[in-house]
Structures are given as C-alpha cells and as structure tokens.
Amino acid sequence: MATIKIKQVKSRISAPKDQKLTLDALGLRKLNAVVEKEATPQVLGMVRKVKHLVQVVE
C-alpha cells in the first residue's frame, strides 16, 4: 500500500473539537509536524475532514 506524508499547516486553536480529535488520530500535535501514514480509505477520510488544516506533502 502507498504511503502519504501529511503536514499540519494551520493552527488547531479555533477548530471544533471533532477536528482536533481527528488531528490527534492522525498523530499531528504541533504546527508544521509531518507524519507518514498508509493511504487507506480511513486515513484519506480523516485528511479530507481537516483538509483546511493540513497539506499532503509529496
């Protein structure tokens, strides 16, 4: 399975609680943090939910 790198580019301060929990589930806790995850449908759905806060790095 392919992997993707996800980088948090915007602050989570003003985000709703469910989006903060989604960032936690992705492993993003700080601004500019980068994590590498498998490109499963579950992970892609989480990325889609917080697409305004993260960026997929190639």
N, C-alpha and C. Protein backbone atom coordinates (compact mmCIF):
# COMPACT_ATOMS: atom_id res chain seq x y z
N MET A 1 0.84 -1.18 0.00
CA MET A 1 0.00 0.00 0.00
C MET A 1 0.88 1.24 0.00
N ALA A 2 0.45 2.28 -0.69
CA ALA A 2 1.21 3.52 -0.79
C ALA A 2 1.15 4.29 0.53
N THR A 3 2.15 5.11 0.74
CA THR A 3 2.17 5.96 1.94
C THR A 3 2.08 7.42 1.50
N ILE A 4 1.53 8.23 2.39
CA ILE A 4 1.45 9.67 2.16
C ILE A 4 2.03 10.39 3.37
N LYS A 5 2.58 11.56 3.13
CA LYS A 5 3.08 12.41 4.21
C LYS A 5 2.09 13.54 4.41
N ILE A 6 1.70 13.75 5.65
CA ILE A 6 0.71 14.77 5.99
C ILE A 6 1.37 15.79 6.89
N LYS A 7 1.22 17.07 6.55
CA LYS A 7 1.83 18.16 7.32
C LYS A 7 0.73 19.09 7.80
N GLN A 8 0.78 19.44 9.08
CA GLN A 8 -0.17 20.41 9.63
C GLN A 8 0.34 21.80 9.33
N VAL A 9 -0.47 22.60 8.60
CA VAL A 9 -0.03 23.92 8.17
C VAL A 9 -0.80 25.06 8.83
N LYS A 10 -1.93 24.78 9.48
CA LYS A 10 -2.69 25.82 10.17
C LYS A 10 -2.94 25.39 11.61
N SER A 11 -3.14 26.37 12.46
CA SER A 11 -3.33 26.11 13.88
C SER A 11 -4.66 25.42 14.15
N ARG A 12 -4.67 24.61 15.19
CA ARG A 12 -5.88 23.89 15.59
C ARG A 12 -6.67 24.65 16.65
N ILE A 13 -6.24 25.83 17.05
CA ILE A 13 -6.84 26.54 18.17
C ILE A 13 -8.32 26.82 17.95
N SER A 14 -8.68 27.33 16.79
CA SER A 14 -10.08 27.69 16.56
C SER A 14 -10.90 26.57 15.93
N ALA A 15 -10.32 25.38 15.79
CA ALA A 15 -11.03 24.26 15.16
C ALA A 15 -12.01 23.63 16.15
N PRO A 16 -13.11 23.06 15.66
CA PRO A 16 -14.04 22.35 16.54
C PRO A 16 -13.38 21.11 17.16
N LYS A 17 -13.97 20.61 18.21
CA LYS A 17 -13.38 19.51 18.96
C LYS A 17 -13.21 18.25 18.10
N ASP A 18 -14.18 17.95 17.23
CA ASP A 18 -14.06 16.74 16.41
C ASP A 18 -12.88 16.84 15.45
N GLN A 19 -12.57 18.04 14.96
CA GLN A 19 -11.41 18.20 14.09
C GLN A 19 -10.10 18.09 14.87
N LYS A 20 -10.10 18.57 16.11
CA LYS A 20 -8.91 18.42 16.95
C LYS A 20 -8.65 16.94 17.23
N LEU A 21 -9.72 16.19 17.47
CA LEU A 21 -9.56 14.76 17.72
C LEU A 21 -9.09 14.03 16.46
N THR A 22 -9.52 14.50 15.29
CA THR A 22 -9.05 13.92 14.04
C THR A 22 -7.56 14.16 13.85
N LEU A 23 -7.09 15.37 14.17
CA LEU A 23 -5.66 15.66 14.09
C LEU A 23 -4.89 14.77 15.06
N ASP A 24 -5.43 14.56 16.26
CA ASP A 24 -4.78 13.66 17.23
C ASP A 24 -4.69 12.24 16.68
N ALA A 25 -5.76 11.78 16.03
CA ALA A 25 -5.78 10.43 15.48
C ALA A 25 -4.77 10.28 14.35
N LEU A 26 -4.52 11.36 13.63
CA LEU A 26 -3.50 11.31 12.58
C LEU A 26 -2.09 11.42 13.14
N GLY A 27 -1.96 11.80 14.40
CA GLY A 27 -0.65 11.94 15.02
C GLY A 27 -0.06 13.33 14.90
N LEU A 28 -0.90 14.31 14.55
CA LEU A 28 -0.44 15.69 14.40
C LEU A 28 -0.76 16.47 15.66
N ARG A 29 0.26 16.90 16.38
CA ARG A 29 0.05 17.59 17.62
C ARG A 29 0.60 19.03 17.60
N LYS A 30 1.53 19.32 16.70
CA LYS A 30 2.14 20.65 16.62
C LYS A 30 2.07 21.18 15.20
N LEU A 31 2.16 22.48 15.08
CA LEU A 31 2.19 23.13 13.78
C LEU A 31 3.46 22.73 13.04
N ASN A 32 3.36 22.50 11.75
CA ASN A 32 4.46 22.07 10.87
C ASN A 32 4.94 20.65 11.16
N ALA A 33 4.20 19.88 11.93
CA ALA A 33 4.55 18.49 12.16
C ALA A 33 4.22 17.68 10.92
N VAL A 34 5.05 16.68 10.62
CA VAL A 34 4.83 15.82 9.46
C VAL A 34 4.77 14.37 9.93
N VAL A 35 3.75 13.64 9.47
CA VAL A 35 3.64 12.22 9.76
C VAL A 35 3.48 11.47 8.45
N GLU A 36 3.92 10.22 8.46
CA GLU A 36 3.79 9.37 7.28
C GLU A 36 2.81 8.26 7.61
N LYS A 37 1.77 8.15 6.80
CA LYS A 37 0.70 7.17 7.05
C LYS A 37 0.44 6.36 5.78
N GLU A 38 -0.12 5.16 5.97
CA GLU A 38 -0.59 4.37 4.84
C GLU A 38 -1.80 5.06 4.23
N ALA A 39 -1.92 5.00 2.92
CA ALA A 39 -3.02 5.66 2.21
C ALA A 39 -4.26 4.77 2.18
N THR A 40 -4.81 4.50 3.36
CA THR A 40 -6.02 3.70 3.46
C THR A 40 -7.24 4.61 3.34
N PRO A 41 -8.40 4.05 3.03
CA PRO A 41 -9.60 4.89 2.95
C PRO A 41 -9.91 5.61 4.25
N GLN A 42 -9.60 5.01 5.39
CA GLN A 42 -9.85 5.64 6.68
C GLN A 42 -8.97 6.88 6.86
N VAL A 43 -7.69 6.76 6.53
CA VAL A 43 -6.77 7.89 6.69
C VAL A 43 -7.12 8.99 5.69
N LEU A 44 -7.44 8.62 4.46
CA LEU A 44 -7.81 9.62 3.46
C LEU A 44 -9.08 10.37 3.85
N GLY A 45 -10.01 9.69 4.51
CA GLY A 45 -11.21 10.34 5.00
C GLY A 45 -10.90 11.33 6.11
N MET A 46 -9.97 10.97 7.00
CA MET A 46 -9.57 11.90 8.06
C MET A 46 -8.88 13.12 7.47
N VAL A 47 -8.05 12.91 6.46
CA VAL A 47 -7.37 14.04 5.81
C VAL A 47 -8.41 14.94 5.15
N ARG A 48 -9.41 14.36 4.52
CA ARG A 48 -10.45 15.15 3.87
C ARG A 48 -11.22 15.98 4.88
N LYS A 49 -11.41 15.44 6.09
CA LYS A 49 -12.17 16.16 7.12
C LYS A 49 -11.43 17.42 7.59
N VAL A 50 -10.11 17.37 7.64
CA VAL A 50 -9.33 18.51 8.12
C VAL A 50 -8.46 19.09 7.00
N LYS A 51 -8.95 19.04 5.77
CA LYS A 51 -8.16 19.47 4.62
C LYS A 51 -7.76 20.93 4.68
N HIS A 52 -8.48 21.76 5.43
CA HIS A 52 -8.15 23.17 5.56
C HIS A 52 -7.03 23.40 6.57
N LEU A 53 -6.67 22.37 7.34
CA LEU A 53 -5.63 22.49 8.35
C LEU A 53 -4.34 21.77 7.97
N VAL A 54 -4.42 20.86 7.00
CA VAL A 54 -3.27 20.03 6.66
C VAL A 54 -2.96 20.16 5.17
N GLN A 55 -1.78 19.63 4.81
CA GLN A 55 -1.34 19.60 3.43
C GLN A 55 -0.68 18.25 3.20
N VAL A 56 -0.98 17.61 2.06
CA VAL A 56 -0.35 16.35 1.73
C VAL A 56 0.96 16.69 1.02
N VAL A 57 2.09 16.23 1.61
CA VAL A 57 3.42 16.51 1.08
C VAL A 57 3.85 15.33 0.22
N GLU A 58 4.33 15.61 -0.95
CA GLU A 58 4.78 14.53 -1.85
C GLU A 58 6.21 14.16 -1.58
